[in-house]
PDB file of N, CA and C in Angstrom:
ATOM      1  N   MET A   1     208.187 -74.992  58.549  1.00  0.00           N
ATOM      2  CA  MET A   1     208.638 -76.360  58.461  1.00  0.00           C
ATOM      3  C   MET A   1     207.748 -77.210  59.355  1.00  0.00           C
ATOM      4  N   GLY A   2     207.141 -78.256  58.813  1.00  0.00           N
ATOM      5  CA  GLY A   2     206.255 -79.114  59.582  1.00  0.00           C
ATOM      6  C   GLY A   2     206.972 -80.327  60.128  1.00  0.00           C
ATOM      7  N   PHE A   3     206.276 -81.081  60.934  1.00  0.00           N
ATOM      8  CA  PHE A   3     206.807 -82.307  61.509  1.00  0.00           C
ATOM      9  C   PHE A   3     206.231 -83.497  60.775  1.00  0.00           C
ATOM     10  N   ASP A   4     207.020 -84.532  60.606  1.00  0.00           N
ATOM     11  CA  ASP A   4     206.571 -85.779  60.014  1.00  0.00           C
ATOM     12  C   ASP A   4     205.874 -86.583  61.100  1.00  0.00           C
ATOM     13  N   GLU A   5     204.557 -86.704  61.019  1.00  0.00           N
ATOM     14  CA  GLU A   5     203.786 -87.371  62.056  1.00  0.00           C
ATOM     15  C   GLU A   5     204.104 -88.864  62.153  1.00  0.00           C
ATOM     16  N   THR A   6     204.736 -89.441  61.136  1.00  0.00           N
ATOM     17  CA  THR A   6     205.032 -90.871  61.166  1.00  0.00           C
ATOM     18  C   THR A   6     206.377 -91.171  61.820  1.00  0.00           C
ATOM     19  N   SER A   7     207.159 -90.153  62.118  1.00  0.00           N
ATOM     20  CA  SER A   7     208.461 -90.380  62.740  1.00  0.00           C
ATOM     21  C   SER A   7     208.296 -90.875  64.174  1.00  0.00           C
ATOM     22  N   ILE A   8     209.212 -91.713  64.608  1.00  0.00           N
ATOM     23  CA  ILE A   8     209.226 -92.178  65.992  1.00  0.00           C
ATOM     24  C   ILE A   8     210.066 -91.197  66.796  1.00  0.00           C
ATOM     25  N   PRO A   9     209.492 -90.619  67.852  1.00  0.00           N
ATOM     26  CA  PRO A   9     210.237 -89.583  68.600  1.00  0.00           C
ATOM     27  C   PRO A   9     211.256 -90.161  69.544  1.00  0.00           C
ATOM     28  N   THR A  10     212.296 -89.396  69.803  1.00  0.00           N
ATOM     29  CA  THR A  10     213.289 -89.737  70.818  1.00  0.00           C
ATOM     30  C   THR A  10     212.699 -89.455  72.201  1.00  0.00           C
ATOM     31  N   VAL A  11     213.008 -90.285  73.163  1.00  0.00           N
ATOM     32  CA  VAL A  11     212.550 -90.080  74.543  1.00  0.00           C
ATOM     33  C   VAL A  11     213.720 -89.542  75.358  1.00  0.00           C
ATOM     34  N   PHE A  12     213.540 -88.371  75.914  1.00  0.00           N
ATOM     35  CA  PHE A  12     214.513 -87.742  76.793  1.00  0.00           C
ATOM     36  C   PHE A  12     213.992 -87.864  78.214  1.00  0.00           C
ATOM     37  N   TYR A  13     214.883 -87.809  79.187  1.00  0.00           N
ATOM     38  CA  TYR A  13     214.405 -87.863  80.566  1.00  0.00           C
ATOM     39  C   TYR A  13     215.358 -87.145  81.516  1.00  0.00           C
ATOM     40  N   VAL A  14     214.790 -86.744  82.644  1.00  0.00           N
ATOM     41  CA  VAL A  14     215.520 -86.131  83.745  1.00  0.00           C
ATOM     42  C   VAL A  14     215.025 -86.818  85.001  1.00  0.00           C
ATOM     43  N   LYS A  15     215.948 -87.243  85.873  1.00  0.00           N
ATOM     44  CA  LYS A  15     215.566 -87.912  87.114  1.00  0.00           C
ATOM     45  C   LYS A  15     216.031 -87.084  88.310  1.00  0.00           C
ATOM     46  N   ASP A  16     215.259 -87.180  89.387  1.00  0.00           N
ATOM     47  CA  ASP A  16     215.707 -86.573  90.637  1.00  0.00           C
ATOM     48  C   ASP A  16     215.697 -87.630  91.734  1.00  0.00           C
ATOM     49  N   ASN A  17     216.186 -87.278  92.895  1.00  0.00           N
ATOM     50  CA  ASN A  17     216.232 -88.229  93.997  1.00  0.00           C
ATOM     51  C   ASN A  17     215.369 -87.758  95.163  1.00  0.00           C
ATOM     52  N   GLY A  18     214.286 -87.053  94.837  1.00  0.00           N
ATOM     53  CA  GLY A  18     213.398 -86.515  95.861  1.00  0.00           C
ATOM     54  C   GLY A  18     212.543 -87.576  96.530  1.00  0.00           C
ATOM     55  N   VAL A  19     211.521 -87.122  97.228  1.00  0.00           N
ATOM     56  CA  VAL A  19     210.656 -88.003  98.004  1.00  0.00           C
ATOM     57  C   VAL A  19     209.666 -88.774  97.139  1.00  0.00           C
ATOM     58  N   GLY A  20     209.536 -88.414  95.889  1.00  0.00           N
ATOM     59  CA  GLY A  20     208.594 -89.072  94.996  1.00  0.00           C
ATOM     60  C   GLY A  20     207.240 -88.379  95.002  1.00  0.00           C
ATOM     61  N   ILE A  21     206.387 -88.817  94.084  1.00  0.00           N
ATOM     62  CA  ILE A  21     205.063 -88.228  93.931  1.00  0.00           C
ATOM     63  C   ILE A  21     204.045 -89.353  93.982  1.00  0.00           C
ATOM     64  N   PRO A  22     203.123 -89.328  94.931  1.00  0.00           N
ATOM     65  CA  PRO A  22     202.123 -90.392  95.019  1.00  0.00           C
ATOM     66  C   PRO A  22     201.278 -90.467  93.748  1.00  0.00           C
ATOM     67  N   PRO A  23     200.881 -91.680  93.336  1.00  0.00           N
ATOM     68  CA  PRO A  23     200.097 -91.838  92.105  1.00  0.00           C
ATOM     69  C   PRO A  23     198.832 -90.984  92.061  1.00  0.00           C
ATOM     70  N   ASP A  24     198.167 -90.810  93.200  1.00  0.00           N
ATOM     71  CA  ASP A  24     196.918 -90.038  93.208  1.00  0.00           C
ATOM     72  C   ASP A  24     197.134 -88.527  93.090  1.00  0.00           C
ATOM     73  N   GLU A  25     198.374 -88.063  93.073  1.00  0.00           N
ATOM     74  CA  GLU A  25     198.671 -86.642  92.911  1.00  0.00           C
ATOM     75  C   GLU A  25     199.337 -86.311  91.579  1.00  0.00           C
ATOM     76  N   ARG A  26     199.703 -87.309  90.797  1.00  0.00           N
ATOM     77  CA  ARG A  26     200.441 -87.046  89.545  1.00  0.00           C
ATOM     78  C   ARG A  26     199.630 -86.285  88.515  1.00  0.00           C
ATOM     79  N   HIS A  27     198.319 -86.405  88.561  1.00  0.00           N
ATOM     80  CA  HIS A  27     197.482 -85.673  87.594  1.00  0.00           C
ATOM     81  C   HIS A  27     197.623 -84.158  87.771  1.00  0.00           C
ATOM     82  N   ARG A  28     198.109 -83.712  88.926  1.00  0.00           N
ATOM     83  CA  ARG A  28     198.254 -82.285  89.209  1.00  0.00           C
ATOM     84  C   ARG A  28     199.611 -81.729  88.791  1.00  0.00           C
ATOM     85  N   LEU A  29     200.539 -82.567  88.385  1.00  0.00           N
ATOM     86  CA  LEU A  29     201.906 -82.123  88.100  1.00  0.00           C
ATOM     87  C   LEU A  29     201.998 -80.989  87.091  1.00  0.00           C
ATOM     88  N   PHE A  30     201.193 -81.048  86.046  1.00  0.00           N
ATOM     89  CA  PHE A  30     201.332 -80.108  84.940  1.00  0.00           C
ATOM     90  C   PHE A  30     200.250 -79.022  84.956  1.00  0.00           C
ATOM     91  N   THR A  31     199.611 -78.820  86.105  1.00  0.00           N
ATOM     92  CA  THR A  31     198.604 -77.784  86.260  1.00  0.00           C
ATOM     93  C   THR A  31     199.282 -76.476  86.658  1.00  0.00           C
ATOM     94  N   MET A  32     198.953 -75.407  85.950  1.00  0.00           N
ATOM     95  CA  MET A  32     199.557 -74.105  86.210  1.00  0.00           C
ATOM     96  C   MET A  32     199.284 -73.659  87.636  1.00  0.00           C
ATOM     97  N   PHE A  33     200.321 -73.210  88.327  1.00  0.00           N
ATOM     98  CA  PHE A  33     200.274 -72.677  89.682  1.00  0.00           C
ATOM     99  C   PHE A  33     199.846 -73.703  90.726  1.00  0.00           C
ATOM    100  N   GLU A  34     200.017 -74.958  90.438  1.00  0.00           N
ATOM    101  CA  GLU A  34     199.685 -76.023  91.375  1.00  0.00           C
ATOM    102  C   GLU A  34     200.973 -76.518  92.020  1.00  0.00           C
ATOM    103  N   ARG A  35     201.015 -76.529  93.335  1.00  0.00           N
ATOM    104  CA  ARG A  35     202.174 -77.040  94.066  1.00  0.00           C
ATOM    105  C   ARG A  35     201.754 -78.295  94.805  1.00  0.00           C
ATOM    106  N   LEU A  36     202.608 -79.296  94.797  1.00  0.00           N
ATOM    107  CA  LEU A  36     202.310 -80.527  95.513  1.00  0.00           C
ATOM    108  C   LEU A  36     202.850 -80.480  96.939  1.00  0.00           C
ATOM    109  N   SER A  37     203.582 -79.425  97.273  1.00  0.00           N
ATOM    110  CA  SER A  37     204.111 -79.256  98.624  1.00  0.00           C
ATOM    111  C   SER A  37     204.054 -77.770  98.964  1.00  0.00           C
ATOM    112  N   THR A  38     204.229 -77.451 100.224  1.00  0.00           N
ATOM    113  CA  THR A  38     204.258 -76.044 100.617  1.00  0.00           C
ATOM    114  C   THR A  38     205.644 -75.472 100.381  1.00  0.00           C
ATOM    115  N   ALA A  39     205.724 -74.174 100.198  1.00  0.00           N
ATOM    116  CA  ALA A  39     207.011 -73.520  99.971  1.00  0.00           C
ATOM    117  C   ALA A  39     207.951 -73.736 101.149  1.00  0.00           C
ATOM    118  N   ALA A  40     207.410 -73.798 102.347  1.00  0.00           N
ATOM    119  CA  ALA A  40     208.242 -73.986 103.527  1.00  0.00           C
ATOM    120  C   ALA A  40     208.918 -75.352 103.529  1.00  0.00           C
ATOM    121  N   GLN A  41     208.273 -76.354 102.912  1.00  0.00           N
ATOM    122  CA  GLN A  41     208.842 -77.704 102.882  1.00  0.00           C
ATOM    123  C   GLN A  41     210.025 -77.822 101.936  1.00  0.00           C
ATOM    124  N   TYR A  42     209.884 -77.300 100.720  1.00  0.00           N
ATOM    125  CA  TYR A  42     210.881 -77.574  99.685  1.00  0.00           C
ATOM    126  C   TYR A  42     211.385 -76.338  98.950  1.00  0.00           C
ATOM    127  N   GLY A  43     211.203 -75.164  99.486  1.00  0.00           N
ATOM    128  CA  GLY A  43     211.744 -73.970  98.861  1.00  0.00           C
ATOM    129  C   GLY A  43     210.695 -73.191  98.091  1.00  0.00           C
ATOM    130  N   GLU A  44     211.123 -72.067  97.576  1.00  0.00           N
ATOM    131  CA  GLU A  44     210.233 -71.159  96.858  1.00  0.00           C
ATOM    132  C   GLU A  44     209.984 -71.643  95.440  1.00  0.00           C
ATOM    133  N   GLY A  45     208.974 -71.113  94.829  1.00  0.00           N
ATOM    134  CA  GLY A  45     208.650 -71.426  93.443  1.00  0.00           C
ATOM    135  C   GLY A  45     207.234 -70.987  93.147  1.00  0.00           C
ATOM    136  N   THR A  46     206.933 -70.815  91.880  1.00  0.00           N
ATOM    137  CA  THR A  46     205.601 -70.340  91.496  1.00  0.00           C
ATOM    138  C   THR A  46     204.650 -71.466  91.158  1.00  0.00           C
ATOM    139  N   GLY A  47     205.172 -72.665  90.914  1.00  0.00           N
ATOM    140  CA  GLY A  47     204.314 -73.768  90.514  1.00  0.00           C
ATOM    141  C   GLY A  47     203.963 -73.739  89.038  1.00  0.00           C
ATOM    142  N   SER A  48     204.721 -73.003  88.233  1.00  0.00           N
ATOM    143  CA  SER A  48     204.404 -72.893  86.811  1.00  0.00           C
ATOM    144  C   SER A  48     205.412 -73.589  85.902  1.00  0.00           C
ATOM    145  N   GLY A  49     206.546 -74.026  86.430  1.00  0.00           N
ATOM    146  CA  GLY A  49     207.612 -74.584  85.593  1.00  0.00           C
ATOM    147  C   GLY A  49     207.206 -75.787  84.764  1.00  0.00           C
ATOM    148  N   LEU A  50     206.562 -76.786  85.390  1.00  0.00           N
ATOM    149  CA  LEU A  50     206.173 -77.977  84.633  1.00  0.00           C
ATOM    150  C   LEU A  50     205.045 -77.687  83.647  1.00  0.00           C
ATOM    151  N   ALA A  51     204.138 -76.787  84.004  1.00  0.00           N
ATOM    152  CA  ALA A  51     203.051 -76.429  83.090  1.00  0.00           C
ATOM    153  C   ALA A  51     203.601 -75.740  81.839  1.00  0.00           C
ATOM    154  N   ILE A  52     204.558 -74.840  82.017  1.00  0.00           N
ATOM    155  CA  ILE A  52     205.189 -74.162  80.880  1.00  0.00           C
ATOM    156  C   ILE A  52     205.975 -75.166  80.045  1.00  0.00           C
ATOM    157  N   THR A  53     206.712 -76.043  80.701  1.00  0.00           N
ATOM    158  CA  THR A  53     207.467 -77.076  79.988  1.00  0.00           C
ATOM    159  C   THR A  53     206.542 -77.938  79.148  1.00  0.00           C
ATOM    160  N   GLN A  54     205.411 -78.344  79.715  1.00  0.00           N
ATOM    161  CA  GLN A  54     204.454 -79.163  78.972  1.00  0.00           C
ATOM    162  C   GLN A  54     203.956 -78.430  77.729  1.00  0.00           C
ATOM    163  N   ARG A  55     203.647 -77.166  77.844  1.00  0.00           N
ATOM    164  CA  ARG A  55     203.137 -76.418  76.692  1.00  0.00           C
ATOM    165  C   ARG A  55     204.193 -76.287  75.594  1.00  0.00           C
ATOM    166  N   ILE A  56     205.448 -76.075  75.969  1.00  0.00           N
ATOM    167  CA  ILE A  56     206.520 -75.982  74.972  1.00  0.00           C
ATOM    168  C   ILE A  56     206.666 -77.309  74.235  1.00  0.00           C
ATOM    169  N   ILE A  57     206.694 -78.398  74.973  1.00  0.00           N
ATOM    170  CA  ILE A  57     206.851 -79.724  74.367  1.00  0.00           C
ATOM    171  C   ILE A  57     205.678 -80.045  73.456  1.00  0.00           C
ATOM    172  N   GLU A  58     204.460 -79.740  73.887  1.00  0.00           N
ATOM    173  CA  GLU A  58     203.287 -80.008  73.059  1.00  0.00           C
ATOM    174  C   GLU A  58     203.282 -79.169  71.789  1.00  0.00           C
ATOM    175  N   ARG A  59     203.814 -77.955  71.845  1.00  0.00           N
ATOM    176  CA  ARG A  59     203.924 -77.115  70.640  1.00  0.00           C
ATOM    177  C   ARG A  59     204.873 -77.733  69.616  1.00  0.00           C
ATOM    178  N   HIS A  60     205.782 -78.568  70.104  1.00  0.00           N
ATOM    179  CA  HIS A  60     206.713 -79.281  69.232  1.00  0.00           C
ATOM    180  C   HIS A  60     206.237 -80.702  68.949  1.00  0.00           C
ATOM    181  N   LYS A  61     204.926 -80.905  69.126  1.00  0.00           N
ATOM    182  CA  LYS A  61     204.264 -82.178  68.840  1.00  0.00           C
ATOM    183  C   LYS A  61     204.837 -83.338  69.649  1.00  0.00           C
ATOM    184  N   GLY A  62     205.242 -83.040  70.868  1.00  0.00           N
ATOM    185  CA  GLY A  62     205.738 -84.064  71.780  1.00  0.00           C
ATOM    186  C   GLY A  62     204.797 -84.244  72.943  1.00  0.00           C
ATOM    187  N   ARG A  63     205.224 -85.039  73.902  1.00  0.00           N
ATOM    188  CA  ARG A  63     204.445 -85.196  75.128  1.00  0.00           C
ATOM    189  C   ARG A  63     205.396 -85.377  76.299  1.00  0.00           C
ATOM    190  N   ILE A  64     204.888 -85.145  77.506  1.00  0.00           N
ATOM    191  CA  ILE A  64     205.678 -85.258  78.727  1.00  0.00           C
ATOM    192  C   ILE A  64     204.872 -86.035  79.759  1.00  0.00           C
ATOM    193  N   TRP A  65     205.572 -86.849  80.549  1.00  0.00           N
ATOM    194  CA  TRP A  65     204.933 -87.604  81.619  1.00  0.00           C
ATOM    195  C   TRP A  65     205.969 -87.897  82.692  1.00  0.00           C
ATOM    196  N   ALA A  66     205.489 -88.344  83.849  1.00  0.00           N
ATOM    197  CA  ALA A  66     206.375 -88.610  84.987  1.00  0.00           C
ATOM    198  C   ALA A  66     206.175 -90.027  85.487  1.00  0.00           C
ATOM    199  N   ASP A  67     207.252 -90.593  85.994  1.00  0.00           N
ATOM    200  CA  ASP A  67     207.218 -91.900  86.653  1.00  0.00           C
ATOM    201  C   ASP A  67     207.884 -91.713  88.008  1.00  0.00           C
ATOM    202  N   SER A  68     207.174 -92.112  89.066  1.00  0.00           N
ATOM    203  CA  SER A  68     207.690 -91.915  90.414  1.00  0.00           C
ATOM    204  C   SER A  68     207.432 -93.180  91.226  1.00  0.00           C
ATOM    205  N   PRO A  69     208.458 -94.022  91.375  1.00  0.00           N
ATOM    206  CA  PRO A  69     208.272 -95.269  92.124  1.00  0.00           C
ATOM    207  C   PRO A  69     208.052 -94.996  93.609  1.00  0.00           C
ATOM    208  N   PRO A  70     207.442 -95.938  94.337  1.00  0.00           N
ATOM    209  CA  PRO A  70     207.178 -95.750  95.769  1.00  0.00           C
ATOM    210  C   PRO A  70     208.444 -95.560  96.602  1.00  0.00           C
ATOM    211  N   THR A  71     209.585 -95.976  96.078  1.00  0.00           N
ATOM    212  CA  THR A  71     210.847 -95.844  96.813  1.00  0.00           C
ATOM    213  C   THR A  71     211.405 -94.427  96.771  1.00  0.00           C
ATOM    214  N   GLY A  72     210.809 -93.536  95.989  1.00  0.00           N
ATOM    215  CA  GLY A  72     211.253 -92.141  95.922  1.00  0.00           C
ATOM    216  C   GLY A  72     211.896 -91.805  94.598  1.00  0.00           C
ATOM    217  N   GLY A  73     212.104 -90.540  94.385  1.00  0.00           N
ATOM    218  CA  GLY A  73     212.648 -90.054  93.124  1.00  0.00           C
ATOM    219  C   GLY A  73     211.577 -90.002  92.056  1.00  0.00           C
ATOM    220  N   THR A  74     211.779 -89.141  91.096  1.00  0.00           N
ATOM    221  CA  THR A  74     210.841 -89.000  89.986  1.00  0.00           C
ATOM    222  C   THR A  74     211.640 -88.852  88.699  1.00  0.00           C
ATOM    223  N   ALA A  75     211.175 -89.514  87.651  1.00  0.00           N
ATOM    224  CA  ALA A  75     211.757 -89.347  86.315  1.00  0.00           C
ATOM    225  C   ALA A  75     210.712 -88.659  85.444  1.00  0.00           C
ATOM    226  N   PHE A  76     211.110 -87.577  84.801  1.00  0.00           N
ATOM    227  CA  PHE A  76     210.248 -86.870  83.859  1.00  0.00           C
ATOM    228  C   PHE A  76     210.731 -87.215  82.464  1.00  0.00           C
ATOM    229  N   TYR A  77     209.853 -87.793  81.664  1.00  0.00           N
ATOM    230  CA  TYR A  77     210.166 -88.200  80.297  1.00  0.00           C
ATOM    231  C   TYR A  77     209.462 -87.258  79.335  1.00  0.00           C
ATOM    232  N   PHE A  78     210.102 -86.993  78.190  1.00  0.00           N
ATOM    233  CA  PHE A  78     209.399 -86.251  77.154  1.00  0.00           C
ATOM    234  C   PHE A  78     209.894 -86.671  75.784  1.00  0.00           C
ATOM    235  N   THR A  79     209.029 -86.501  74.809  1.00  0.00           N
ATOM    236  CA  THR A  79     209.356 -86.815  73.430  1.00  0.00           C
ATOM    237  C   THR A  79     209.253 -85.536  72.593  1.00  0.00           C
ATOM    238  N   LEU A  80     209.946 -85.557  71.474  1.00  0.00           N
ATOM    239  CA  LEU A  80     209.836 -84.501  70.479  1.00  0.00           C
ATOM    240  C   LEU A  80     209.604 -85.165  69.143  1.00  0.00           C
ATOM    241  N   ALA A  81     208.684 -84.659  68.362  1.00  0.00           N
ATOM    242  CA  ALA A  81     208.335 -85.268  67.084  1.00  0.00           C
ATOM    243  C   ALA A  81     209.480 -85.192  66.095  1.00  0.00           C
ATOM    244  N   GLY A  82     209.585 -86.220  65.271  1.00  0.00           N
ATOM    245  CA  GLY A  82     210.524 -86.205  64.164  1.00  0.00           C
ATOM    246  C   GLY A  82     211.930 -86.668  64.469  1.00  0.00           C
ATOM    247  N   ALA A  83     212.232 -87.014  65.701  1.00  0.00           N
ATOM    248  CA  ALA A  83     213.593 -87.457  66.041  1.00  0.00           C
ATOM    249  C   ALA A  83     213.648 -88.978  66.055  1.00  0.00           C
ATOM    250  N   PRO A  84     214.796 -89.581  65.748  1.00  0.00           N
ATOM    251  CA  PRO A  84     214.898 -91.041  65.767  1.00  0.00           C
ATOM    252  C   PRO A  84     214.803 -91.589  67.160  1.00  0.00           C
ATOM    253  N   LEU A  85     214.327 -92.831  67.296  1.00  0.00           N
ATOM    254  CA  LEU A  85     214.129 -93.475  68.588  1.00  0.00           C
ATOM    255  C   LEU A  85     215.455 -93.882  69.223  1.00  0.00           C
ATOM    256  N   THR A  86     215.624 -93.580  70.508  1.00  0.00           N
ATOM    257  CA  THR A  86     216.755 -94.085  71.294  1.00  0.00           C
ATOM    258  C   THR A  86     216.232 -94.533  72.632  1.00  0.00           C
ATOM    259  N   ASP A  87     216.928 -95.426  73.286  1.00  0.00           N
ATOM    260  CA  ASP A  87     216.517 -95.896  74.605  1.00  0.00           C
ATOM    261  C   ASP A  87     216.926 -94.894  75.660  1.00  0.00           C
ATOM    262  N   PRO A  88     216.055 -94.712  76.710  1.00  0.00           N
ATOM    263  CA  PRO A  88     216.427 -93.782  77.783  1.00  0.00           C
ATOM    264  C   PRO A  88     217.517 -94.359  78.656  1.00  0.00           C
TER     265      PRO A  88
END
């Protein structure tokens, strides 16, 4: 079953209330095994979660991106092809 490339995708999002991500570091968010902080600062992890998430979304003809205002917190948005448009 294929996707209709002309469909407008739905935008989903997840927000957190963390310290935020500086604009000059956002390009690293979806890099496999890349951590923006040390494990001692914010807990354990492999640094692969967002990279895997990006690959799954792209396989479904969607895209993922992040918005992190200077006041803190980050919102991760993603789309999936073929779904009707709704406001986040």
